[in-house]
């Protein structure tokens, strides 16, 4: 029985991507927190893959949730939009807009093939708008972030674009799919409705 338990723990450890669970099985409780910390990360990766199961029109290996996760790891803050670049030198790459706590906006470019960050730059707004601060203010008190909005719409098709939208009368995420569907996800409740305005 003990051998089966150790085998199961080793298998779980391999799935979680580390040896924390094996140390835990040996009775070392100092790594128990590490195993618990890895579990949500593994669940997030699984959910991201589920949201990105369909291939997009350009056969991206990296879906939007993975691109957002990579961008936020590179430039911590709040993702307020993510979409595929249509043209130019960066055609096909994911462009993720991240707002830092001070309202500064950054555009993070993520490879559609590897999911790695290719570059980032501060988005300097020529007209002097303070869009980053406005986005953070709009999201205050909400519970649904960009990745959760993508997951909410994933069953309706491969998500190609997610963008914070305050023009709909409420704070919503505007989410487009490869099949041409346009959806609104309420940033407070997570309710999904079809965008019939466009």
N, C-alpha and C. Protein backbone atom coordinates (compact mmCIF):
# COMPACT_ATOMS: atom_id res chain seq x y z
N UNK A 1 0.83 -1.19 0.00
CA UNK A 1 0.00 0.00 0.00
C UNK A 1 0.87 1.25 0.00
N UNK A 2 1.95 1.21 0.83
CA UNK A 2 2.84 2.37 0.92
C UNK A 2 3.53 2.61 -0.42
N UNK A 3 3.90 1.52 -1.14
CA UNK A 3 4.55 1.66 -2.44
C UNK A 3 3.62 2.33 -3.44
N UNK A 4 2.31 1.97 -3.42
CA UNK A 4 1.34 2.59 -4.32
C UNK A 4 1.21 4.08 -4.01
N UNK A 5 1.21 4.44 -2.73
CA UNK A 5 1.10 5.85 -2.35
C UNK A 5 2.30 6.63 -2.85
N UNK A 6 3.51 6.08 -2.67
CA UNK A 6 4.71 6.77 -3.13
C UNK A 6 4.70 6.88 -4.65
N UNK A 7 4.27 5.82 -5.36
CA UNK A 7 4.18 5.87 -6.82
C UNK A 7 3.20 6.95 -7.26
N UNK A 8 2.06 7.03 -6.59
CA UNK A 8 1.07 8.06 -6.94
C UNK A 8 1.63 9.45 -6.68
N UNK A 9 2.35 9.61 -5.58
CA UNK A 9 2.92 10.92 -5.25
C UNK A 9 3.98 11.31 -6.28
N UNK A 10 4.79 10.34 -6.72
CA UNK A 10 5.81 10.62 -7.74
C UNK A 10 5.13 11.03 -9.05
N UNK A 11 4.04 10.36 -9.41
CA UNK A 11 3.32 10.72 -10.65
C UNK A 11 2.75 12.13 -10.54
N UNK A 12 2.17 12.45 -9.41
CA UNK A 12 1.63 13.81 -9.22
C UNK A 12 2.76 14.82 -9.27
N UNK A 13 3.89 14.46 -8.65
CA UNK A 13 5.05 15.36 -8.66
C UNK A 13 5.51 15.64 -10.08
N UNK A 14 5.55 14.62 -10.91
CA UNK A 14 5.95 14.81 -12.30
C UNK A 14 4.97 15.72 -13.03
N UNK A 15 3.69 15.56 -12.75
CA UNK A 15 2.68 16.41 -13.38
C UNK A 15 2.80 17.85 -12.94
N UNK A 16 3.13 18.07 -11.70
CA UNK A 16 3.24 19.44 -11.19
C UNK A 16 4.54 20.10 -11.62
N UNK A 17 5.45 19.31 -12.18
CA UNK A 17 6.67 19.91 -12.71
C UNK A 17 7.74 20.11 -11.65
N UNK A 18 7.69 19.39 -10.57
CA UNK A 18 8.72 19.57 -9.55
C UNK A 18 8.74 18.42 -8.58
N UNK A 19 9.65 18.44 -7.67
CA UNK A 19 9.81 17.37 -6.71
C UNK A 19 9.22 17.69 -5.36
N UNK A 20 8.47 18.78 -5.24
CA UNK A 20 7.93 19.17 -3.94
C UNK A 20 7.01 18.09 -3.37
N UNK A 21 6.22 17.46 -4.20
CA UNK A 21 5.30 16.44 -3.71
C UNK A 21 6.05 15.21 -3.21
N UNK A 22 7.19 14.85 -3.83
CA UNK A 22 7.99 13.71 -3.39
C UNK A 22 8.56 13.99 -2.01
N UNK A 23 9.07 15.19 -1.77
CA UNK A 23 9.59 15.54 -0.46
C UNK A 23 8.48 15.48 0.58
N UNK A 24 7.31 15.89 0.21
CA UNK A 24 6.16 15.85 1.10
C UNK A 24 5.83 14.41 1.46
N UNK A 25 5.90 13.49 0.50
CA UNK A 25 5.60 12.08 0.74
C UNK A 25 6.60 11.46 1.70
N UNK A 26 7.84 11.94 1.71
CA UNK A 26 8.85 11.43 2.61
C UNK A 26 8.70 11.98 4.02
N UNK A 27 7.71 12.83 4.24
CA UNK A 27 7.45 13.36 5.56
C UNK A 27 8.04 14.73 5.79
N UNK A 28 8.69 15.31 4.82
CA UNK A 28 9.26 16.64 4.95
C UNK A 28 8.17 17.66 4.70
N UNK A 29 7.62 18.22 5.76
CA UNK A 29 6.51 19.16 5.61
C UNK A 29 6.98 20.55 5.23
N UNK A 30 8.28 20.79 5.18
CA UNK A 30 8.76 22.13 4.83
C UNK A 30 8.45 22.48 3.39
N UNK A 31 8.21 21.48 2.53
CA UNK A 31 7.89 21.76 1.13
C UNK A 31 6.41 21.63 0.84
N UNK A 32 5.61 21.39 1.87
CA UNK A 32 4.17 21.25 1.65
C UNK A 32 3.60 22.52 1.03
N UNK A 33 4.05 23.66 1.50
CA UNK A 33 3.57 24.93 0.93
C UNK A 33 3.94 25.06 -0.53
N UNK A 34 5.13 24.56 -0.91
CA UNK A 34 5.54 24.62 -2.31
C UNK A 34 4.62 23.78 -3.18
N UNK A 35 4.24 22.60 -2.69
CA UNK A 35 3.34 21.75 -3.47
C UNK A 35 1.98 22.42 -3.62
N UNK A 36 1.51 23.05 -2.53
CA UNK A 36 0.22 23.74 -2.61
C UNK A 36 0.29 24.93 -3.55
N UNK A 37 1.44 25.60 -3.57
CA UNK A 37 1.59 26.77 -4.45
C UNK A 37 1.65 26.34 -5.91
N UNK A 38 2.19 25.13 -6.17
CA UNK A 38 2.28 24.66 -7.55
C UNK A 38 0.93 24.22 -8.09
N UNK A 39 0.04 23.74 -7.21
CA UNK A 39 -1.24 23.24 -7.67
C UNK A 39 -2.06 24.31 -8.40
N UNK A 40 -2.22 25.53 -7.84
CA UNK A 40 -2.98 26.55 -8.59
C UNK A 40 -2.32 26.90 -9.92
N UNK A 41 -0.98 26.90 -9.95
CA UNK A 41 -0.29 27.20 -11.21
C UNK A 41 -0.60 26.12 -12.25
N UNK A 42 -0.61 24.87 -11.81
CA UNK A 42 -0.92 23.78 -12.73
C UNK A 42 -2.36 23.88 -13.21
N UNK A 43 -3.27 24.24 -12.29
CA UNK A 43 -4.67 24.41 -12.69
C UNK A 43 -4.82 25.55 -13.69
N UNK A 44 -4.07 26.63 -13.47
CA UNK A 44 -4.14 27.77 -14.39
C UNK A 44 -3.63 27.38 -15.77
N UNK A 45 -2.53 26.58 -15.81
CA UNK A 45 -2.01 26.13 -17.11
C UNK A 45 -3.02 25.24 -17.81
N UNK A 46 -3.67 24.35 -17.04
CA UNK A 46 -4.67 23.46 -17.63
C UNK A 46 -5.84 24.26 -18.17
N UNK A 47 -6.31 25.26 -17.41
CA UNK A 47 -7.43 26.09 -17.87
C UNK A 47 -7.03 26.90 -19.11
N UNK A 48 -5.78 27.38 -19.11
CA UNK A 48 -5.32 28.16 -20.27
C UNK A 48 -5.29 27.28 -21.52
N UNK A 49 -4.81 26.05 -21.36
CA UNK A 49 -4.78 25.14 -22.52
C UNK A 49 -6.19 24.81 -22.98
N UNK A 50 -7.11 24.64 -22.02
CA UNK A 50 -8.50 24.34 -22.40
C UNK A 50 -9.10 25.50 -23.17
N UNK A 51 -8.77 26.72 -22.76
CA UNK A 51 -9.30 27.90 -23.45
C UNK A 51 -8.69 28.06 -24.83
N UNK A 52 -7.54 27.45 -25.05
CA UNK A 52 -6.82 27.62 -26.30
C UNK A 52 -6.79 26.34 -27.14
N UNK A 53 -7.77 25.45 -26.97
CA UNK A 53 -7.73 24.17 -27.65
C UNK A 53 -7.88 24.29 -29.16
N UNK A 54 -8.68 25.21 -29.63
CA UNK A 54 -8.83 25.39 -31.08
C UNK A 54 -7.65 26.16 -31.63
N UNK A 55 -7.28 25.89 -32.87
CA UNK A 55 -6.23 26.70 -33.46
C UNK A 55 -6.88 27.91 -34.10
N UNK A 56 -6.16 29.01 -34.09
CA UNK A 56 -6.72 30.22 -34.66
C UNK A 56 -6.52 30.22 -36.16
N UNK A 57 -6.99 31.27 -36.77
CA UNK A 57 -6.89 31.39 -38.23
C UNK A 57 -5.44 31.36 -38.68
N UNK A 58 -4.53 31.74 -37.82
CA UNK A 58 -3.12 31.74 -38.21
C UNK A 58 -2.35 30.62 -37.53
N UNK A 59 -3.04 29.62 -37.00
CA UNK A 59 -2.43 28.44 -36.41
C UNK A 59 -1.43 28.75 -35.30
N UNK A 60 -1.81 29.62 -34.40
CA UNK A 60 -0.96 29.97 -33.27
C UNK A 60 -0.85 28.79 -32.31
N UNK A 61 0.38 28.50 -31.88
CA UNK A 61 0.58 27.47 -30.87
C UNK A 61 0.34 28.04 -29.48
N UNK A 62 0.44 29.34 -29.35
CA UNK A 62 0.22 30.03 -28.08
C UNK A 62 -1.11 30.75 -28.14
N UNK A 63 -2.00 30.41 -27.22
CA UNK A 63 -3.30 31.05 -27.18
C UNK A 63 -3.25 32.35 -26.40
N UNK A 64 -4.35 33.04 -26.39
CA UNK A 64 -4.41 34.36 -25.77
C UNK A 64 -4.17 34.31 -24.26
N UNK A 65 -4.68 33.31 -23.56
CA UNK A 65 -4.46 33.25 -22.11
C UNK A 65 -2.99 33.03 -21.80
N UNK A 66 -2.34 32.20 -22.60
CA UNK A 66 -0.90 31.98 -22.40
C UNK A 66 -0.11 33.24 -22.72
N UNK A 67 -0.52 33.96 -23.76
CA UNK A 67 0.17 35.21 -24.12
C UNK A 67 0.01 36.23 -23.00
N UNK A 68 -1.18 36.33 -22.43
CA UNK A 68 -1.40 37.27 -21.33
C UNK A 68 -0.55 36.88 -20.13
N UNK A 69 -0.51 35.59 -19.80
CA UNK A 69 0.30 35.13 -18.66
C UNK A 69 1.77 35.47 -18.87
N UNK A 70 2.29 35.27 -20.09
CA UNK A 70 3.68 35.58 -20.38
C UNK A 70 3.94 37.08 -20.26
N UNK A 71 3.01 37.89 -20.76
CA UNK A 71 3.16 39.34 -20.69
C UNK A 71 3.16 39.82 -19.24
N UNK A 72 2.28 39.28 -18.42
CA UNK A 72 2.20 39.69 -17.02
C UNK A 72 3.41 39.22 -16.22
N UNK A 73 3.99 38.09 -16.60
CA UNK A 73 5.22 37.64 -15.94
C UNK A 73 6.37 38.59 -16.27
N UNK A 74 6.37 39.12 -17.48
CA UNK A 74 7.42 40.03 -17.93
C UNK A 74 7.20 41.45 -17.39
N UNK A 75 5.96 41.90 -17.40
CA UNK A 75 5.61 43.26 -16.97
C UNK A 75 4.41 43.17 -16.04
N UNK A 76 4.63 42.93 -14.75
CA UNK A 76 3.52 42.79 -13.82
C UNK A 76 2.61 44.01 -13.82
N UNK A 77 1.33 43.75 -13.80
CA UNK A 77 0.33 44.81 -13.82
C UNK A 77 -1.02 44.22 -14.12
N UNK A 78 -1.84 44.94 -14.86
CA UNK A 78 -3.18 44.49 -15.24
C UNK A 78 -3.28 44.47 -16.75
N UNK A 79 -3.59 43.30 -17.31
CA UNK A 79 -3.78 43.20 -18.76
C UNK A 79 -5.13 43.80 -19.11
N UNK A 80 -5.13 44.77 -20.03
CA UNK A 80 -6.39 45.42 -20.43
C UNK A 80 -6.78 45.09 -21.86
N UNK A 81 -5.87 44.47 -22.63
CA UNK A 81 -6.24 43.99 -23.96
C UNK A 81 -5.17 43.05 -24.47
N UNK A 82 -5.57 42.20 -25.41
CA UNK A 82 -4.63 41.31 -26.09
C UNK A 82 -5.22 40.98 -27.45
N UNK A 83 -4.40 41.11 -28.48
CA UNK A 83 -4.87 40.76 -29.82
C UNK A 83 -3.69 40.38 -30.71
N UNK A 84 -4.02 39.78 -31.85
CA UNK A 84 -3.01 39.38 -32.82
C UNK A 84 -2.72 40.55 -33.74
N UNK A 85 -1.44 40.81 -33.96
CA UNK A 85 -1.02 41.86 -34.87
C UNK A 85 -1.34 41.43 -36.30
N UNK A 86 -2.01 42.30 -37.06
CA UNK A 86 -2.46 41.95 -38.42
C UNK A 86 -1.38 42.10 -39.48
N UNK A 87 -0.56 43.12 -39.34
CA UNK A 87 0.34 43.43 -40.44
C UNK A 87 1.70 43.92 -39.92
N UNK A 88 2.56 44.22 -40.86
CA UNK A 88 3.87 44.73 -40.51
C UNK A 88 4.82 43.64 -40.09
N UNK A 89 5.93 44.07 -39.53
CA UNK A 89 6.99 43.14 -39.14
C UNK A 89 6.53 42.15 -38.06
N UNK A 90 5.66 42.59 -37.18
CA UNK A 90 5.20 41.73 -36.08
C UNK A 90 3.92 40.98 -36.38
N UNK A 91 3.56 40.84 -37.65
CA UNK A 91 2.31 40.16 -38.01
C UNK A 91 2.24 38.78 -37.37
N UNK A 92 1.13 38.49 -36.74
CA UNK A 92 0.91 37.18 -36.12
C UNK A 92 1.25 37.14 -34.65
N UNK A 93 2.05 38.10 -34.16
CA UNK A 93 2.42 38.08 -32.75
C UNK A 93 1.26 38.58 -31.90
N UNK A 94 1.27 38.18 -30.65
CA UNK A 94 0.30 38.69 -29.69
C UNK A 94 0.80 40.01 -29.17
N UNK A 95 -0.07 40.99 -29.10
CA UNK A 95 0.22 42.30 -28.50
C UNK A 95 -0.65 42.41 -27.26
N UNK A 96 -0.03 42.44 -26.10
CA UNK A 96 -0.76 42.50 -24.84
C UNK A 96 -0.50 43.86 -24.19
N UNK A 97 -1.57 44.60 -23.91
CA UNK A 97 -1.45 45.89 -23.24
C UNK A 97 -1.57 45.68 -21.74
N UNK A 98 -0.53 46.11 -21.02
CA UNK A 98 -0.48 45.95 -19.57
C UNK A 98 -0.38 47.33 -18.94
N UNK A 99 -1.19 47.56 -17.92
CA UNK A 99 -1.15 48.82 -17.17
C UNK A 99 -0.54 48.54 -15.80
N UNK A 100 0.50 49.30 -15.48
CA UNK A 100 1.15 49.19 -14.17
C UNK A 100 0.32 49.93 -13.13
N UNK A 101 0.64 49.73 -11.87
CA UNK A 101 -0.12 50.35 -10.78
C UNK A 101 -0.10 51.87 -10.85
N UNK A 102 0.96 52.46 -11.43
CA UNK A 102 1.03 53.92 -11.53
C UNK A 102 0.33 54.46 -12.77
N UNK A 103 -0.32 53.58 -13.55
CA UNK A 103 -1.05 54.00 -14.74
C UNK A 103 -0.24 53.95 -16.02
N UNK A 104 1.06 53.66 -15.92
CA UNK A 104 1.90 53.56 -17.12
C UNK A 104 1.46 52.35 -17.93
N UNK A 105 1.35 52.54 -19.25
CA UNK A 105 0.92 51.46 -20.15
C UNK A 105 2.11 50.89 -20.91
N UNK A 106 2.15 49.58 -21.02
CA UNK A 106 3.20 48.89 -21.76
C UNK A 106 2.55 47.96 -22.78
N UNK A 107 3.19 47.84 -23.93
CA UNK A 107 2.77 46.87 -24.94
C UNK A 107 3.81 45.77 -24.93
N UNK A 108 3.36 44.55 -24.65
CA UNK A 108 4.27 43.40 -24.59
C UNK A 108 3.98 42.51 -25.79
N UNK A 109 5.02 42.20 -26.56
CA UNK A 109 4.88 41.36 -27.74
C UNK A 109 5.27 39.93 -27.39
N UNK A 110 4.38 38.98 -27.70
CA UNK A 110 4.59 37.58 -27.35
C UNK A 110 4.57 36.73 -28.61
N UNK A 111 5.52 35.81 -28.71
CA UNK A 111 5.60 34.91 -29.86
C UNK A 111 4.40 33.98 -29.91
N UNK A 112 3.76 33.83 -31.08
CA UNK A 112 2.64 32.91 -31.19
C UNK A 112 3.09 31.45 -31.23
N UNK A 113 4.37 31.23 -31.49
CA UNK A 113 4.89 29.87 -31.59
C UNK A 113 5.45 29.35 -30.27
N UNK A 114 6.19 30.20 -29.55
CA UNK A 114 6.86 29.73 -28.34
C UNK A 114 6.23 30.25 -27.06
N UNK A 115 5.43 31.31 -27.15
CA UNK A 115 4.86 31.90 -25.95
C UNK A 115 5.85 32.76 -25.17
N UNK A 116 7.00 33.00 -25.75
CA UNK A 116 8.02 33.82 -25.08
C UNK A 116 7.84 35.29 -25.45
N UNK A 117 8.21 36.15 -24.52
CA UNK A 117 8.14 37.59 -24.75
C UNK A 117 9.25 37.99 -25.72
N UNK A 118 8.85 38.67 -26.79
CA UNK A 118 9.80 39.12 -27.80
C UNK A 118 10.27 40.54 -27.54
N UNK A 119 9.51 41.28 -26.79
CA UNK A 119 9.87 42.66 -26.48
C UNK A 119 8.74 43.37 -25.77
N UNK A 120 9.07 44.53 -25.23
CA UNK A 120 8.06 45.35 -24.55
C UNK A 120 8.50 46.80 -24.66
N UNK A 121 7.51 47.67 -24.76
CA UNK A 121 7.82 49.09 -24.77
C UNK A 121 6.68 49.86 -24.11
N UNK A 122 7.06 51.01 -23.57
CA UNK A 122 6.05 51.85 -22.95
C UNK A 122 5.21 52.48 -24.05
N UNK A 123 3.91 52.45 -23.86
CA UNK A 123 3.00 53.02 -24.84
C UNK A 123 2.83 54.50 -24.50
N UNK A 124 3.48 55.33 -25.28
CA UNK A 124 3.37 56.77 -25.05
C UNK A 124 2.24 57.30 -25.91
N UNK A 125 1.26 57.85 -25.25
CA UNK A 125 0.06 58.34 -25.92
C UNK A 125 0.31 59.77 -26.39
N UNK A 126 0.25 59.99 -27.68
CA UNK A 126 0.54 61.30 -28.26
C UNK A 126 -0.42 62.39 -27.79
N UNK A 127 -1.67 62.02 -27.52
CA UNK A 127 -2.64 63.07 -27.16
C UNK A 127 -2.70 63.35 -25.66
N UNK A 128 -1.80 62.71 -24.89
CA UNK A 128 -1.72 63.00 -23.46
C UNK A 128 -2.81 62.36 -22.62
N UNK A 129 -3.60 61.46 -23.20
CA UNK A 129 -4.64 60.77 -22.42
C UNK A 129 -4.01 59.95 -21.31
N UNK A 130 -4.77 59.77 -20.26
CA UNK A 130 -4.32 58.96 -19.14
C UNK A 130 -5.16 57.68 -19.13
N UNK A 131 -5.15 56.98 -20.27
CA UNK A 131 -6.00 55.80 -20.43
C UNK A 131 -5.70 54.71 -19.40
N UNK A 132 -4.43 54.55 -19.05
CA UNK A 132 -4.05 53.51 -18.09
C UNK A 132 -4.72 53.71 -16.75
N UNK A 133 -4.69 54.91 -16.25
CA UNK A 133 -5.34 55.21 -14.97
C UNK A 133 -6.86 55.03 -15.09
N UNK A 134 -7.42 55.42 -16.21
CA UNK A 134 -8.86 55.28 -16.43
C UNK A 134 -9.24 53.79 -16.45
N UNK A 135 -8.41 52.97 -17.09
CA UNK A 135 -8.68 51.53 -17.13
C UNK A 135 -8.64 50.93 -15.73
N UNK A 136 -7.62 51.31 -14.95
CA UNK A 136 -7.51 50.79 -13.58
C UNK A 136 -8.71 51.23 -12.73
N UNK A 137 -9.13 52.48 -12.92
CA UNK A 137 -10.30 52.98 -12.18
C UNK A 137 -11.55 52.22 -12.57
N UNK A 138 -11.70 51.93 -13.87
CA UNK A 138 -12.88 51.19 -14.34
C UNK A 138 -12.92 49.78 -13.77
N UNK A 139 -11.75 49.17 -13.61
CA UNK A 139 -11.69 47.79 -13.13
C UNK A 139 -11.77 47.68 -11.61
N UNK A 140 -11.72 48.79 -10.92
CA UNK A 140 -11.78 48.75 -9.46
C UNK A 140 -13.10 48.11 -9.02
N UNK A 141 -13.00 47.11 -8.17
CA UNK A 141 -14.20 46.44 -7.66
C UNK A 141 -14.72 45.33 -8.57
N UNK A 142 -14.05 45.08 -9.71
CA UNK A 142 -14.49 43.99 -10.59
C UNK A 142 -13.84 42.69 -10.16
N UNK A 143 -14.38 41.59 -10.65
CA UNK A 143 -13.85 40.28 -10.27
C UNK A 143 -13.36 39.46 -11.46
N UNK A 144 -13.63 39.91 -12.68
CA UNK A 144 -13.29 39.14 -13.87
C UNK A 144 -12.17 39.85 -14.62
N UNK A 145 -11.02 39.17 -14.73
CA UNK A 145 -9.91 39.77 -15.47
C UNK A 145 -9.94 39.30 -16.92
N UNK A 146 -8.98 39.74 -17.72
CA UNK A 146 -8.96 39.43 -19.16
C UNK A 146 -8.91 37.93 -19.41
N UNK A 147 -8.08 37.21 -18.65
CA UNK A 147 -7.97 35.75 -18.86
C UNK A 147 -9.28 35.05 -18.53
N UNK A 148 -9.94 35.48 -17.46
CA UNK A 148 -11.22 34.86 -17.10
C UNK A 148 -12.28 35.16 -18.15
N UNK A 149 -12.23 36.34 -18.74
CA UNK A 149 -13.17 36.67 -19.82
C UNK A 149 -12.94 35.76 -21.02
N UNK A 150 -11.68 35.50 -21.34
CA UNK A 150 -11.35 34.59 -22.45
C UNK A 150 -11.88 33.20 -22.16
N UNK A 151 -11.66 32.72 -20.95
CA UNK A 151 -12.13 31.38 -20.58
C UNK A 151 -13.65 31.29 -20.67
N UNK A 152 -14.33 32.38 -20.33
CA UNK A 152 -15.80 32.38 -20.36
C UNK A 152 -16.34 32.24 -21.78
N UNK A 153 -15.57 32.70 -22.75
CA UNK A 153 -16.02 32.70 -24.15
C UNK A 153 -15.40 31.55 -24.95
N UNK A 154 -14.42 30.86 -24.39
CA UNK A 154 -13.65 29.85 -25.13
C UNK A 154 -14.52 28.78 -25.80
N UNK A 155 -15.63 28.41 -25.20
CA UNK A 155 -16.49 27.37 -25.79
C UNK A 155 -17.16 27.86 -27.07
N UNK A 156 -17.15 29.15 -27.31
CA UNK A 156 -17.82 29.71 -28.48
C UNK A 156 -16.88 29.85 -29.68
N UNK A 157 -15.61 29.53 -29.49
CA UNK A 157 -14.63 29.60 -30.58
C UNK A 157 -13.30 30.10 -30.08
N UNK A 158 -12.30 29.99 -30.91
CA UNK A 158 -10.96 30.44 -30.55
C UNK A 158 -10.95 31.95 -30.39
N UNK A 159 -10.52 32.40 -29.24
CA UNK A 159 -10.50 33.83 -28.96
C UNK A 159 -9.30 34.47 -29.66
N UNK A 160 -9.59 35.54 -30.41
CA UNK A 160 -8.54 36.25 -31.14
C UNK A 160 -8.27 37.63 -30.57
N UNK A 161 -9.15 38.12 -29.72
CA UNK A 161 -9.02 39.49 -29.22
C UNK A 161 -9.83 39.64 -27.95
N UNK A 162 -9.24 40.29 -26.96
CA UNK A 162 -9.96 40.65 -25.74
C UNK A 162 -9.56 42.08 -25.39
N UNK A 163 -10.56 42.89 -25.03
CA UNK A 163 -10.29 44.30 -24.80
C UNK A 163 -11.27 44.85 -23.77
N UNK A 164 -10.76 45.64 -22.84
CA UNK A 164 -11.62 46.28 -21.85
C UNK A 164 -12.47 47.34 -22.55
N UNK A 165 -13.76 47.34 -22.26
CA UNK A 165 -14.68 48.25 -22.94
C UNK A 165 -15.61 48.88 -21.91
N UNK A 166 -15.52 50.19 -21.79
CA UNK A 166 -16.41 50.89 -20.88
C UNK A 166 -17.52 51.61 -21.62
N UNK A 167 -17.55 51.46 -22.95
CA UNK A 167 -18.53 52.17 -23.76
C UNK A 167 -19.90 51.50 -23.77
N UNK A 168 -19.99 50.30 -23.27
CA UNK A 168 -21.25 49.56 -23.34
C UNK A 168 -22.20 49.90 -22.20
N UNK A 169 -21.87 50.94 -21.42
CA UNK A 169 -22.73 51.32 -20.31
C UNK A 169 -22.33 50.66 -19.01
N UNK A 170 -21.53 49.63 -19.06
CA UNK A 170 -21.00 48.94 -17.89
C UNK A 170 -19.57 48.54 -18.22
N UNK A 171 -18.82 48.12 -17.22
CA UNK A 171 -17.45 47.68 -17.48
C UNK A 171 -17.53 46.24 -17.97
N UNK A 172 -17.16 46.04 -19.22
CA UNK A 172 -17.21 44.71 -19.83
C UNK A 172 -15.92 44.44 -20.58
N UNK A 173 -15.69 43.18 -20.83
CA UNK A 173 -14.62 42.74 -21.72
C UNK A 173 -15.25 42.44 -23.07
N UNK A 174 -14.73 43.03 -24.11
CA UNK A 174 -15.17 42.74 -25.46
C UNK A 174 -14.26 41.63 -25.98
N UNK A 175 -14.86 40.51 -26.37
CA UNK A 175 -14.09 39.33 -26.77
C UNK A 175 -14.52 38.89 -28.16
N UNK A 176 -13.56 38.77 -29.08
CA UNK A 176 -13.83 38.32 -30.44
C UNK A 176 -13.30 36.91 -30.63
N UNK A 177 -14.01 36.12 -31.45
CA UNK A 177 -13.56 34.77 -31.76
C UNK A 177 -13.25 34.64 -33.25
N UNK A 178 -12.49 33.60 -33.58
CA UNK A 178 -12.09 33.37 -34.97
C UNK A 178 -13.30 33.12 -35.87
N UNK A 179 -14.37 32.64 -35.31
CA UNK A 179 -15.58 32.36 -36.10
C UNK A 179 -16.38 33.63 -36.38
N UNK A 180 -15.86 34.76 -35.96
CA UNK A 180 -16.56 36.02 -36.21
C UNK A 180 -17.52 36.43 -35.13
N UNK A 181 -17.59 35.66 -34.07
CA UNK A 181 -18.48 36.02 -32.97
C UNK A 181 -17.89 37.12 -32.12
N UNK A 182 -18.74 38.00 -31.65
CA UNK A 182 -18.31 39.06 -30.76
C UNK A 182 -19.15 38.97 -29.50
N UNK A 183 -18.48 38.96 -28.36
CA UNK A 183 -19.13 38.70 -27.08
C UNK A 183 -18.74 39.76 -26.07
N UNK A 184 -19.61 39.99 -25.12
CA UNK A 184 -19.34 40.88 -24.00
C UNK A 184 -19.37 40.05 -22.72
N UNK A 185 -18.36 40.25 -21.88
CA UNK A 185 -18.29 39.56 -20.60
C UNK A 185 -18.29 40.62 -19.51
N UNK A 186 -19.31 40.60 -18.66
CA UNK A 186 -19.42 41.58 -17.59
C UNK A 186 -18.24 41.40 -16.63
N UNK A 187 -17.49 42.47 -16.39
CA UNK A 187 -16.29 42.40 -15.55
C UNK A 187 -16.62 42.22 -14.07
N UNK A 188 -17.86 42.42 -13.70
CA UNK A 188 -18.26 42.22 -12.30
C UNK A 188 -18.87 40.84 -12.07
N UNK A 189 -19.68 40.37 -13.01
CA UNK A 189 -20.42 39.12 -12.79
C UNK A 189 -19.91 37.95 -13.62
N UNK A 190 -19.23 38.23 -14.72
CA UNK A 190 -18.77 37.17 -15.63
C UNK A 190 -19.84 36.73 -16.61
N UNK A 191 -21.00 37.37 -16.60
CA UNK A 191 -22.08 37.00 -17.52
C UNK A 191 -21.67 37.29 -18.95
N UNK A 192 -21.92 36.31 -19.84
CA UNK A 192 -21.56 36.43 -21.25
C UNK A 192 -22.81 36.71 -22.07
N UNK A 193 -22.73 37.74 -22.92
CA UNK A 193 -23.81 38.05 -23.85
C UNK A 193 -23.20 38.29 -25.22
N UNK A 194 -23.98 38.03 -26.22
CA UNK A 194 -23.49 38.29 -27.58
C UNK A 194 -23.55 39.79 -27.85
N UNK A 195 -22.50 40.30 -28.49
CA UNK A 195 -22.45 41.73 -28.85
C UNK A 195 -23.17 41.90 -30.18
N UNK A 196 -24.37 42.42 -30.14
CA UNK A 196 -25.19 42.57 -31.33
C UNK A 196 -25.06 43.95 -31.96
N UNK A 197 -24.27 44.83 -31.35
CA UNK A 197 -24.13 46.19 -31.86
C UNK A 197 -23.26 46.27 -33.09
N UNK A 198 -22.33 45.33 -33.27
CA UNK A 198 -21.40 45.40 -34.40
C UNK A 198 -21.86 44.60 -35.58
